[in-house]
Full PDB file with SEQRES, HELIX, SHEET, SSBOND, CRYST1, ORIGX, SCALE, CONECT and MASTER records, all heavy atoms in Angstrom:
SEQRES   1 A   41  LEU VAL LEU LEU ARG THR ASN ASP LYS ILE THR VAL SER          
SEQRES   2 A   41  THR HIS LYS ASN ALA LYS LYS VAL LEU GLU ASN SER LEU          
SEQRES   3 A   41  TYR SER VAL VAL ILE LEU HIS GLU ASP SER GLY GLN ILE          
SEQRES   4 A   41  GLU SER                                                      
HELIX    1 AA1 HIS A   15  GLU A   23  1                                   9    
CRYST1    1.000    1.000    1.000  90.00  90.00  90.00 P 1           1          
ORIGX1      1.000000  0.000000  0.000000        0.00000                         
ORIGX2      0.000000  1.000000  0.000000        0.00000                         
ORIGX3      0.000000  0.000000  1.000000        0.00000                         
SCALE1      1.000000  0.000000  0.000000        0.00000                         
SCALE2      0.000000  1.000000  0.000000        0.00000                         
SCALE3      0.000000  0.000000  1.000000        0.00000                         
ATOM      1  N   LEU A   1      64.529  59.167  17.222  1.00  0.00           N  
ATOM      2  CA  LEU A   1      65.048  58.561  18.449  1.00  0.00           C  
ATOM      3  C   LEU A   1      64.637  57.094  18.532  1.00  0.00           C  
ATOM      4  O   LEU A   1      63.472  56.753  18.370  1.00  0.00           O  
ATOM      5  CB  LEU A   1      64.507  59.323  19.658  1.00  0.00           C  
ATOM      6  CG  LEU A   1      65.235  59.167  20.969  1.00  0.00           C  
ATOM      7  CD1 LEU A   1      66.681  59.608  20.846  1.00  0.00           C  
ATOM      8  CD2 LEU A   1      64.553  59.989  22.041  1.00  0.00           C  
ATOM      9  N   VAL A   2      65.599  56.238  18.779  1.00  0.00           N  
ATOM     10  CA  VAL A   2      65.347  54.802  18.881  1.00  0.00           C  
ATOM     11  C   VAL A   2      65.345  54.425  20.362  1.00  0.00           C  
ATOM     12  O   VAL A   2      66.337  54.621  21.058  1.00  0.00           O  
ATOM     13  CB  VAL A   2      66.429  54.003  18.131  1.00  0.00           C  
ATOM     14  CG1 VAL A   2      66.226  52.508  18.337  1.00  0.00           C  
ATOM     15  CG2 VAL A   2      66.438  54.367  16.662  1.00  0.00           C  
ATOM     16  N   LEU A   3      64.247  53.889  20.814  1.00  0.00           N  
ATOM     17  CA  LEU A   3      64.153  53.428  22.198  1.00  0.00           C  
ATOM     18  C   LEU A   3      64.503  51.950  22.238  1.00  0.00           C  
ATOM     19  O   LEU A   3      63.969  51.156  21.468  1.00  0.00           O  
ATOM     20  CB  LEU A   3      62.743  53.659  22.734  1.00  0.00           C  
ATOM     21  CG  LEU A   3      62.301  55.112  22.763  1.00  0.00           C  
ATOM     22  CD1 LEU A   3      60.862  55.218  23.226  1.00  0.00           C  
ATOM     23  CD2 LEU A   3      63.210  55.944  23.643  1.00  0.00           C  
ATOM     24  N   LEU A   4      65.403  51.598  23.114  1.00  0.00           N  
ATOM     25  CA  LEU A   4      65.876  50.222  23.182  1.00  0.00           C  
ATOM     26  C   LEU A   4      64.965  49.317  24.006  1.00  0.00           C  
ATOM     27  O   LEU A   4      64.991  48.114  23.845  1.00  0.00           O  
ATOM     28  CB  LEU A   4      67.292  50.190  23.749  1.00  0.00           C  
ATOM     29  CG  LEU A   4      68.322  50.968  22.938  1.00  0.00           C  
ATOM     30  CD1 LEU A   4      69.674  50.929  23.627  1.00  0.00           C  
ATOM     31  CD2 LEU A   4      68.421  50.425  21.524  1.00  0.00           C  
ATOM     32  N   ARG A   5      64.176  49.914  24.879  1.00  0.00           N  
ATOM     33  CA  ARG A   5      63.276  49.123  25.722  1.00  0.00           C  
ATOM     34  C   ARG A   5      61.862  49.666  25.601  1.00  0.00           C  
ATOM     35  O   ARG A   5      61.656  50.871  25.450  1.00  0.00           O  
ATOM     36  CB  ARG A   5      63.736  49.168  27.171  1.00  0.00           C  
ATOM     37  CG  ARG A   5      65.107  48.529  27.351  1.00  0.00           C  
ATOM     38  CD  ARG A   5      65.606  48.774  28.735  1.00  0.00           C  
ATOM     39  NE  ARG A   5      65.883  50.201  28.875  1.00  0.00           N  
ATOM     40  CZ  ARG A   5      66.956  50.689  29.472  1.00  0.00           C  
ATOM     41  NH1 ARG A   5      67.829  49.892  30.003  1.00  0.00           N  
ATOM     42  NH2 ARG A   5      67.155  51.984  29.550  1.00  0.00           N  
ATOM     43  N   THR A   6      60.894  48.804  25.719  1.00  0.00           N  
ATOM     44  CA  THR A   6      59.506  49.224  25.545  1.00  0.00           C  
ATOM     45  C   THR A   6      59.012  50.123  26.668  1.00  0.00           C  
ATOM     46  O   THR A   6      58.071  50.884  26.477  1.00  0.00           O  
ATOM     47  CB  THR A   6      58.567  48.005  25.453  1.00  0.00           C  
ATOM     48  OG1 THR A   6      58.746  47.198  26.609  1.00  0.00           O  
ATOM     49  CG2 THR A   6      58.858  47.202  24.202  1.00  0.00           C  
ATOM     50  N   ASN A   7      59.637  50.074  27.822  1.00  0.00           N  
ATOM     51  CA  ASN A   7      59.173  50.907  28.931  1.00  0.00           C  
ATOM     52  C   ASN A   7      59.915  52.246  29.046  1.00  0.00           C  
ATOM     53  O   ASN A   7      59.700  52.985  29.994  1.00  0.00           O  
ATOM     54  CB  ASN A   7      59.226  50.145  30.253  1.00  0.00           C  
ATOM     55  CG  ASN A   7      60.596  49.612  30.578  1.00  0.00           C  
ATOM     56  OD1 ASN A   7      61.477  49.559  29.722  1.00  0.00           O  
ATOM     57  ND2 ASN A   7      60.783  49.206  31.819  1.00  0.00           N  
ATOM     58  N   ASP A   8      60.778  52.567  28.093  1.00  0.00           N  
ATOM     59  CA  ASP A   8      61.385  53.896  28.047  1.00  0.00           C  
ATOM     60  C   ASP A   8      60.323  54.912  27.645  1.00  0.00           C  
ATOM     61  O   ASP A   8      59.476  54.628  26.809  1.00  0.00           O  
ATOM     62  CB  ASP A   8      62.535  53.944  27.042  1.00  0.00           C  
ATOM     63  CG  ASP A   8      63.761  53.176  27.514  1.00  0.00           C  
ATOM     64  OD1 ASP A   8      63.806  52.802  28.694  1.00  0.00           O  
ATOM     65  OD2 ASP A   8      64.659  52.952  26.690  1.00  0.00           O  
ATOM     66  N   LYS A   9      60.375  56.080  28.247  1.00  0.00           N  
ATOM     67  CA  LYS A   9      59.353  57.093  27.997  1.00  0.00           C  
ATOM     68  C   LYS A   9      59.996  58.427  27.624  1.00  0.00           C  
ATOM     69  O   LYS A   9      61.018  58.800  28.171  1.00  0.00           O  
ATOM     70  CB  LYS A   9      58.503  57.286  29.243  1.00  0.00           C  
ATOM     71  CG  LYS A   9      57.906  55.999  29.766  1.00  0.00           C  
ATOM     72  CD  LYS A   9      56.504  56.173  30.181  1.00  0.00           C  
ATOM     73  CE  LYS A   9      55.878  54.928  30.757  1.00  0.00           C  
ATOM     74  NZ  LYS A   9      56.228  53.672  30.246  1.00  0.00           N  
ATOM     75  N   ILE A  10      59.357  59.144  26.701  1.00  0.00           N  
ATOM     76  CA  ILE A  10      59.817  60.466  26.283  1.00  0.00           C  
ATOM     77  C   ILE A  10      58.663  61.451  26.461  1.00  0.00           C  
ATOM     78  O   ILE A  10      57.543  61.175  26.052  1.00  0.00           O  
ATOM     79  CB  ILE A  10      60.261  60.485  24.818  1.00  0.00           C  
ATOM     80  CG1 ILE A  10      61.350  59.458  24.577  1.00  0.00           C  
ATOM     81  CG2 ILE A  10      60.726  61.873  24.410  1.00  0.00           C  
ATOM     82  CD1 ILE A  10      61.683  59.267  23.117  1.00  0.00           C  
ATOM     83  N   THR A  11      58.975  62.586  27.058  1.00  0.00           N  
ATOM     84  CA  THR A  11      57.997  63.650  27.231  1.00  0.00           C  
ATOM     85  C   THR A  11      58.568  64.909  26.607  1.00  0.00           C  
ATOM     86  O   THR A  11      59.762  65.179  26.716  1.00  0.00           O  
ATOM     87  CB  THR A  11      57.728  63.906  28.729  1.00  0.00           C  
ATOM     88  OG1 THR A  11      57.270  62.695  29.319  1.00  0.00           O  
ATOM     89  CG2 THR A  11      56.706  64.994  28.936  1.00  0.00           C  
ATOM     90  N   VAL A  12      57.717  65.690  25.957  1.00  0.00           N  
ATOM     91  CA  VAL A  12      58.135  66.957  25.355  1.00  0.00           C  
ATOM     92  C   VAL A  12      57.606  68.097  26.213  1.00  0.00           C  
ATOM     93  O   VAL A  12      56.450  68.077  26.640  1.00  0.00           O  
ATOM     94  CB  VAL A  12      57.609  67.089  23.905  1.00  0.00           C  
ATOM     95  CG1 VAL A  12      58.025  68.424  23.308  1.00  0.00           C  
ATOM     96  CG2 VAL A  12      58.106  65.937  23.048  1.00  0.00           C  
ATOM     97  N   SER A  13      58.465  69.083  26.450  1.00  0.00           N  
ATOM     98  CA  SER A  13      58.093  70.255  27.234  1.00  0.00           C  
ATOM     99  C   SER A  13      58.659  71.504  26.577  1.00  0.00           C  
ATOM    100  O   SER A  13      59.660  71.439  25.864  1.00  0.00           O  
ATOM    101  CB  SER A  13      58.649  70.134  28.654  1.00  0.00           C  
ATOM    102  OG  SER A  13      58.419  71.326  29.386  1.00  0.00           O  
ATOM    103  N   THR A  14      58.038  72.627  26.846  1.00  0.00           N  
ATOM    104  CA  THR A  14      58.583  73.910  26.395  1.00  0.00           C  
ATOM    105  C   THR A  14      59.624  74.375  27.399  1.00  0.00           C  
ATOM    106  O   THR A  14      59.691  73.876  28.533  1.00  0.00           O  
ATOM    107  CB  THR A  14      57.481  74.980  26.282  1.00  0.00           C  
ATOM    108  OG1 THR A  14      56.930  75.197  27.586  1.00  0.00           O  
ATOM    109  CG2 THR A  14      56.389  74.557  25.309  1.00  0.00           C  
ATOM    110  N   HIS A  15      60.443  75.339  26.998  1.00  0.00           N  
ATOM    111  CA  HIS A  15      61.443  75.895  27.912  1.00  0.00           C  
ATOM    112  C   HIS A  15      60.765  76.502  29.143  1.00  0.00           C  
ATOM    113  O   HIS A  15      61.268  76.392  30.256  1.00  0.00           O  
ATOM    114  CB  HIS A  15      62.282  76.967  27.204  1.00  0.00           C  
ATOM    115  CG  HIS A  15      63.321  76.395  26.304  1.00  0.00           C  
ATOM    116  ND1 HIS A  15      63.065  76.043  25.012  1.00  0.00           N  
ATOM    117  CD2 HIS A  15      64.624  76.107  26.523  1.00  0.00           C  
ATOM    118  CE1 HIS A  15      64.165  75.566  24.457  1.00  0.00           C  
ATOM    119  NE2 HIS A  15      65.128  75.591  25.357  1.00  0.00           N  
ATOM    120  N   LYS A  16      59.627  77.139  28.936  1.00  0.00           N  
ATOM    121  CA  LYS A  16      58.931  77.823  30.026  1.00  0.00           C  
ATOM    122  C   LYS A  16      58.497  76.854  31.121  1.00  0.00           C  
ATOM    123  O   LYS A  16      58.580  77.173  32.302  1.00  0.00           O  
ATOM    124  CB  LYS A  16      57.712  78.561  29.461  1.00  0.00           C  
ATOM    125  CG  LYS A  16      56.948  79.351  30.471  1.00  0.00           C  
ATOM    126  CD  LYS A  16      55.798  80.083  29.833  1.00  0.00           C  
ATOM    127  CE  LYS A  16      55.029  80.878  30.859  1.00  0.00           C  
ATOM    128  NZ  LYS A  16      53.916  81.606  30.267  1.00  0.00           N  
ATOM    129  N   ASN A  17      58.044  75.675  30.753  1.00  0.00           N  
ATOM    130  CA  ASN A  17      57.528  74.706  31.723  1.00  0.00           C  
ATOM    131  C   ASN A  17      58.548  73.666  32.157  1.00  0.00           C  
ATOM    132  O   ASN A  17      58.255  72.833  33.009  1.00  0.00           O  
ATOM    133  CB  ASN A  17      56.323  73.972  31.129  1.00  0.00           C  
ATOM    134  CG  ASN A  17      55.184  74.903  30.836  1.00  0.00           C  
ATOM    135  OD1 ASN A  17      55.008  75.907  31.495  1.00  0.00           O  
ATOM    136  ND2 ASN A  17      54.415  74.580  29.810  1.00  0.00           N  
ATOM    137  N   ALA A  18      59.734  73.687  31.595  1.00  0.00           N  
ATOM    138  CA  ALA A  18      60.702  72.605  31.790  1.00  0.00           C  
ATOM    139  C   ALA A  18      61.088  72.378  33.250  1.00  0.00           C  
ATOM    140  O   ALA A  18      61.118  71.239  33.711  1.00  0.00           O  
ATOM    141  CB  ALA A  18      61.946  72.861  30.953  1.00  0.00           C  
ATOM    142  N   LYS A  19      61.400  73.431  33.965  1.00  0.00           N  
ATOM    143  CA  LYS A  19      61.854  73.263  35.349  1.00  0.00           C  
ATOM    144  C   LYS A  19      60.759  72.635  36.205  1.00  0.00           C  
ATOM    145  O   LYS A  19      61.020  71.714  36.981  1.00  0.00           O  
ATOM    146  CB  LYS A  19      62.298  74.598  35.936  1.00  0.00           C  
ATOM    147  CG  LYS A  19      62.947  74.461  37.291  1.00  0.00           C  
ATOM    148  CD  LYS A  19      63.520  75.762  37.774  1.00  0.00           C  
ATOM    149  CE  LYS A  19      64.151  75.590  39.142  1.00  0.00           C  
ATOM    150  NZ  LYS A  19      64.692  76.841  39.661  1.00  0.00           N  
ATOM    151  N   LYS A  20      59.532  73.086  36.046  1.00  0.00           N  
ATOM    152  CA  LYS A  20      58.404  72.543  36.809  1.00  0.00           C  
ATOM    153  C   LYS A  20      58.175  71.068  36.468  1.00  0.00           C  
ATOM    154  O   LYS A  20      57.971  70.240  37.348  1.00  0.00           O  
ATOM    155  CB  LYS A  20      57.141  73.346  36.523  1.00  0.00           C  
ATOM    156  CG  LYS A  20      55.930  72.873  37.301  1.00  0.00           C  
ATOM    157  CD  LYS A  20      54.678  73.497  36.747  1.00  0.00           C  
ATOM    158  CE  LYS A  20      54.120  74.508  37.667  1.00  0.00           C  
ATOM    159  NZ  LYS A  20      52.821  75.040  37.199  1.00  0.00           N  
ATOM    160  N   VAL A  21      58.231  70.727  35.180  1.00  0.00           N  
ATOM    161  CA  VAL A  21      58.055  69.344  34.753  1.00  0.00           C  
ATOM    162  C   VAL A  21      59.161  68.473  35.327  1.00  0.00           C  
ATOM    163  O   VAL A  21      58.913  67.370  35.814  1.00  0.00           O  
ATOM    164  CB  VAL A  21      58.031  69.248  33.207  1.00  0.00           C  
ATOM    165  CG1 VAL A  21      58.089  67.808  32.736  1.00  0.00           C  
ATOM    166  CG2 VAL A  21      56.803  69.943  32.637  1.00  0.00           C  
ATOM    167  N   LEU A  22      60.377  68.963  35.295  1.00  0.00           N  
ATOM    168  CA  LEU A  22      61.529  68.206  35.783  1.00  0.00           C  
ATOM    169  C   LEU A  22      61.466  67.975  37.290  1.00  0.00           C  
ATOM    170  O   LEU A  22      61.782  66.884  37.764  1.00  0.00           O  
ATOM    171  CB  LEU A  22      62.823  68.926  35.410  1.00  0.00           C  
ATOM    172  CG  LEU A  22      64.118  68.194  35.670  1.00  0.00           C  
ATOM    173  CD1 LEU A  22      64.170  66.907  34.847  1.00  0.00           C  
ATOM    174  CD2 LEU A  22      65.297  69.074  35.333  1.00  0.00           C  
ATOM    175  N   GLU A  23      61.044  68.980  38.030  1.00  0.00           N  
ATOM    176  CA  GLU A  23      60.980  68.873  39.491  1.00  0.00           C  
ATOM    177  C   GLU A  23      59.998  67.795  39.945  1.00  0.00           C  
ATOM    178  O   GLU A  23      60.187  67.183  40.987  1.00  0.00           O  
ATOM    179  CB  GLU A  23      60.572  70.211  40.105  1.00  0.00           C  
ATOM    180  CG  GLU A  23      61.640  71.255  40.038  1.00  0.00           C  
ATOM    181  CD  GLU A  23      61.178  72.615  40.505  1.00  0.00           C  
ATOM    182  OE1 GLU A  23      59.962  72.905  40.461  1.00  0.00           O  
ATOM    183  OE2 GLU A  23      62.049  73.400  40.903  1.00  0.00           O  
ATOM    184  N   ASN A  24      58.945  67.584  39.189  1.00  0.00           N  
ATOM    185  CA  ASN A  24      57.895  66.650  39.580  1.00  0.00           C  
ATOM    186  C   ASN A  24      57.958  65.347  38.799  1.00  0.00           C  
ATOM    187  O   ASN A  24      56.932  64.800  38.416  1.00  0.00           O  
ATOM    188  CB  ASN A  24      56.521  67.305  39.372  1.00  0.00           C  
ATOM    189  CG  ASN A  24      56.372  68.559  40.191  1.00  0.00           C  
ATOM    190  OD1 ASN A  24      56.707  68.574  41.361  1.00  0.00           O  
ATOM    191  ND2 ASN A  24      55.903  69.616  39.578  1.00  0.00           N  
ATOM    192  N   SER A  25      59.171  64.846  38.557  1.00  0.00           N  
ATOM    193  CA  SER A  25      59.294  63.680  37.690  1.00  0.00           C  
ATOM    194  C   SER A  25      60.475  62.811  38.072  1.00  0.00           C  
ATOM    195  O   SER A  25      61.230  63.126  38.981  1.00  0.00           O  
ATOM    196  CB  SER A  25      59.474  64.152  36.259  1.00  0.00           C  
ATOM    197  OG  SER A  25      60.753  64.751  36.135  1.00  0.00           O  
ATOM    198  N   LEU A  26      60.632  61.741  37.305  1.00  0.00           N  
ATOM    199  CA  LEU A  26      61.763  60.831  37.481  1.00  0.00           C  
ATOM    200  C   LEU A  26      62.658  60.835  36.254  1.00  0.00           C  
ATOM    201  O   LEU A  26      63.293  59.835  35.941  1.00  0.00           O  
ATOM    202  CB  LEU A  26      61.250  59.412  37.743  1.00  0.00           C  
ATOM    203  CG  LEU A  26      60.447  59.226  39.013  1.00  0.00           C  
ATOM    204  CD1 LEU A  26      59.880  57.812  39.078  1.00  0.00           C  
ATOM    205  CD2 LEU A  26      61.296  59.522  40.235  1.00  0.00           C  
ATOM    206  N   TYR A  27      62.729  61.947  35.533  1.00  0.00           N  
ATOM    207  CA  TYR A  27      63.556  62.004  34.325  1.00  0.00           C  
ATOM    208  C   TYR A  27      65.022  61.843  34.677  1.00  0.00           C  
ATOM    209  O   TYR A  27      65.507  62.413  35.642  1.00  0.00           O  
ATOM    210  CB  TYR A  27      63.342  63.323  33.576  1.00  0.00           C  
ATOM    211  CG  TYR A  27      61.947  63.465  33.064  1.00  0.00           C  
ATOM    212  CD1 TYR A  27      61.061  64.340  33.652  1.00  0.00           C  
ATOM    213  CD2 TYR A  27      61.508  62.696  31.993  1.00  0.00           C  
ATOM    214  CE1 TYR A  27      59.765  64.453  33.191  1.00  0.00           C  
ATOM    215  CE2 TYR A  27      60.214  62.795  31.536  1.00  0.00           C  
ATOM    216  CZ  TYR A  27      59.350  63.677  32.136  1.00  0.00           C  
ATOM    217  OH  TYR A  27      58.067  63.772  31.689  1.00  0.00           O  
ATOM    218  N   SER A  28      65.722  61.060  33.868  1.00  0.00           N  
ATOM    219  CA  SER A  28      67.150  60.858  34.085  1.00  0.00           C  
ATOM    220  C   SER A  28      67.981  61.493  32.974  1.00  0.00           C  
ATOM    221  O   SER A  28      69.162  61.732  33.146  1.00  0.00           O  
ATOM    222  CB  SER A  28      67.472  59.366  34.187  1.00  0.00           C  
ATOM    223  OG  SER A  28      66.994  58.675  33.051  1.00  0.00           O  
ATOM    224  N   VAL A  29      67.352  61.771  31.836  1.00  0.00           N  
ATOM    225  CA  VAL A  29      68.037  62.367  30.694  1.00  0.00           C  
ATOM    226  C   VAL A  29      67.192  63.520  30.167  1.00  0.00           C  
ATOM    227  O   VAL A  29      65.970  63.406  30.028  1.00  0.00           O  
ATOM    228  CB  VAL A  29      68.255  61.332  29.566  1.00  0.00           C  
ATOM    229  CG1 VAL A  29      68.891  61.976  28.348  1.00  0.00           C  
ATOM    230  CG2 VAL A  29      69.087  60.162  30.054  1.00  0.00           C  
ATOM    231  N   VAL A  30      67.860  64.628  29.857  1.00  0.00           N  
ATOM    232  CA  VAL A  30      67.196  65.783  29.254  1.00  0.00           C  
ATOM    233  C   VAL A  30      67.877  66.085  27.926  1.00  0.00           C  
ATOM    234  O   VAL A  30      69.098  66.165  27.859  1.00  0.00           O  
ATOM    235  CB  VAL A  30      67.275  67.030  30.164  1.00  0.00           C  
ATOM    236  CG1 VAL A  30      66.781  68.267  29.455  1.00  0.00           C  
ATOM    237  CG2 VAL A  30      66.497  66.802  31.449  1.00  0.00           C  
ATOM    238  N   ILE A  31      67.085  66.212  26.880  1.00  0.00           N  
ATOM    239  CA  ILE A  31      67.587  66.694  25.595  1.00  0.00           C  
ATOM    240  C   ILE A  31      67.118  68.135  25.494  1.00  0.00           C  
ATOM    241  O   ILE A  31      65.924  68.408  25.422  1.00  0.00           O  
ATOM    242  CB  ILE A  31      67.046  65.865  24.411  1.00  0.00           C  
ATOM    243  CG1 ILE A  31      67.453  64.403  24.557  1.00  0.00           C  
ATOM    244  CG2 ILE A  31      67.559  66.451  23.091  1.00  0.00           C  
ATOM    245  CD1 ILE A  31      66.824  63.480  23.530  1.00  0.00           C  
ATOM    246  N   LEU A  32      68.061  69.056  25.538  1.00  0.00           N  
ATOM    247  CA  LEU A  32      67.754  70.486  25.542  1.00  0.00           C  
ATOM    248  C   LEU A  32      68.011  71.063  24.160  1.00  0.00           C  
ATOM    249  O   LEU A  32      69.163  71.153  23.721  1.00  0.00           O  
ATOM    250  CB  LEU A  32      68.614  71.199  26.593  1.00  0.00           C  
ATOM    251  CG  LEU A  32      68.493  72.718  26.680  1.00  0.00           C  
ATOM    252  CD1 LEU A  32      67.065  73.133  27.036  1.00  0.00           C  
ATOM    253  CD2 LEU A  32      69.475  73.263  27.697  1.00  0.00           C  
ATOM    254  N   HIS A  33      66.940  71.425  23.466  1.00  0.00           N  
ATOM    255  CA  HIS A  33      67.069  72.055  22.157  1.00  0.00           C  
ATOM    256  C   HIS A  33      67.220  73.556  22.383  1.00  0.00           C  
ATOM    257  O   HIS A  33      66.334  74.205  22.922  1.00  0.00           O  
ATOM    258  CB  HIS A  33      65.838  71.781  21.298  1.00  0.00           C  
ATOM    259  CG  HIS A  33      65.857  72.499  19.995  1.00  0.00           C  
ATOM    260  ND1 HIS A  33      64.795  73.244  19.546  1.00  0.00           N  
ATOM    261  CD2 HIS A  33      66.816  72.607  19.044  1.00  0.00           C  
ATOM    262  CE1 HIS A  33      65.093  73.752  18.366  1.00  0.00           C  
ATOM    263  NE2 HIS A  33      66.319  73.391  18.053  1.00  0.00           N  
ATOM    264  N   GLU A  34      68.353  74.081  21.993  1.00  0.00           N  
ATOM    265  CA  GLU A  34      68.640  75.502  22.188  1.00  0.00           C  
ATOM    266  C   GLU A  34      68.818  76.153  20.837  1.00  0.00           C  
ATOM    267  O   GLU A  34      69.804  75.909  20.152  1.00  0.00           O  
ATOM    268  CB  GLU A  34      69.883  75.660  23.058  1.00  0.00           C  
ATOM    269  CG  GLU A  34      70.090  77.032  23.604  1.00  0.00           C  
ATOM    270  CD  GLU A  34      68.913  77.544  24.408  1.00  0.00           C  
ATOM    271  OE1 GLU A  34      68.626  77.015  25.484  1.00  0.00           O  
ATOM    272  OE2 GLU A  34      68.263  78.507  23.938  1.00  0.00           O  
ATOM    273  N   ASP A  35      67.846  76.969  20.468  1.00  0.00           N  
ATOM    274  CA  ASP A  35      67.916  77.618  19.163  1.00  0.00           C  
ATOM    275  C   ASP A  35      67.997  79.131  19.253  1.00  0.00           C  
ATOM    276  O   ASP A  35      67.941  79.817  18.248  1.00  0.00           O  
ATOM    277  CB  ASP A  35      66.728  77.214  18.297  1.00  0.00           C  
ATOM    278  CG  ASP A  35      65.406  77.661  18.878  1.00  0.00           C  
ATOM    279  OD1 ASP A  35      65.380  78.089  20.038  1.00  0.00           O  
ATOM    280  OD2 ASP A  35      64.397  77.577  18.159  1.00  0.00           O  
ATOM    281  N   SER A  36      68.174  79.643  20.457  1.00  0.00           N  
ATOM    282  CA  SER A  36      68.195  81.098  20.613  1.00  0.00           C  
ATOM    283  C   SER A  36      69.492  81.720  20.118  1.00  0.00           C  
ATOM    284  O   SER A  36      69.520  82.890  19.766  1.00  0.00           O  
ATOM    285  CB  SER A  36      67.983  81.476  22.084  1.00  0.00           C  
ATOM    286  OG  SER A  36      69.103  81.079  22.847  1.00  0.00           O  
ATOM    287  N   GLY A  37      70.573  80.952  20.118  1.00  0.00           N  
ATOM    288  CA  GLY A  37      71.859  81.497  19.711  1.00  0.00           C  
ATOM    289  C   GLY A  37      72.506  82.361  20.780  1.00  0.00           C  
ATOM    290  O   GLY A  37      73.573  82.924  20.575  1.00  0.00           O  
ATOM    291  N   GLN A  38      71.865  82.464  21.921  1.00  0.00           N  
ATOM    292  CA  GLN A  38      72.377  83.277  23.014  1.00  0.00           C  
ATOM    293  C   GLN A  38      73.071  82.387  24.038  1.00  0.00           C  
ATOM    294  O   GLN A  38      72.425  81.580  24.706  1.00  0.00           O  
ATOM    295  CB  GLN A  38      71.239  84.039  23.692  1.00  0.00           C  
ATOM    296  CG  GLN A  38      70.465  84.949  22.766  1.00  0.00           C  
ATOM    297  CD  GLN A  38      71.316  86.092  22.261  1.00  0.00           C  
ATOM    298  OE1 GLN A  38      72.136  86.644  23.005  1.00  0.00           O  
ATOM    299  NE2 GLN A  38      71.136  86.455  21.013  1.00  0.00           N  
ATOM    300  N   ILE A  39      74.377  82.530  24.153  1.00  0.00           N  
ATOM    301  CA  ILE A  39      75.149  81.693  25.065  1.00  0.00           C  
ATOM    302  C   ILE A  39      74.656  81.852  26.506  1.00  0.00           C  
ATOM    303  O   ILE A  39      74.490  80.864  27.221  1.00  0.00           O  
ATOM    304  CB  ILE A  39      76.655  82.032  24.973  1.00  0.00           C  
ATOM    305  CG1 ILE A  39      77.173  81.655  23.592  1.00  0.00           C  
ATOM    306  CG2 ILE A  39      77.449  81.331  26.066  1.00  0.00           C  
ATOM    307  CD1 ILE A  39      78.589  82.088  23.318  1.00  0.00           C  
ATOM    308  N   GLU A  40      74.396  83.067  26.923  1.00  0.00           N  
ATOM    309  CA  GLU A  40      73.968  83.320  28.300  1.00  0.00           C  
ATOM    310  C   GLU A  40      72.641  82.634  28.598  1.00  0.00           C  
ATOM    311  O   GLU A  40      72.444  82.068  29.668  1.00  0.00           O  
ATOM    312  CB  GLU A  40      73.842  84.829  28.567  1.00  0.00           C  
ATOM    313  CG  GLU A  40      75.136  85.590  28.445  1.00  0.00           C  
ATOM    314  CD  GLU A  40      75.499  85.941  26.995  1.00  0.00           C  
ATOM    315  OE1 GLU A  40      74.614  85.904  26.123  1.00  0.00           O  
ATOM    316  OE2 GLU A  40      76.674  86.214  26.743  1.00  0.00           O  
ATOM    317  N   SER A  41      71.734  82.657  27.639  1.00  0.00           N  
ATOM    318  CA  SER A  41      70.436  82.006  27.807  1.00  0.00           C  
ATOM    319  C   SER A  41      70.595  80.496  27.951  1.00  0.00           C  
ATOM    320  O   SER A  41      69.930  79.864  28.781  1.00  0.00           O  
ATOM    321  CB  SER A  41      69.539  82.338  26.611  1.00  0.00           C  
ATOM    322  OG  SER A  41      68.357  81.606  26.659  1.00  0.00           O  
TER     323      SER A  41                                                      
MASTER        0    0    0    1    0    0    0    6  322    1    0    4          
END                                                                             
């Protein structure tokens, strides 16, 4: 990943903690890695 500005920030979270991390933050973009192969999930 190439960051265009020095003040851009990336945080890594697990699926289990993602909602809690997102609720308490200012994230504007989420990259969701989905490897379960389950459409419903």
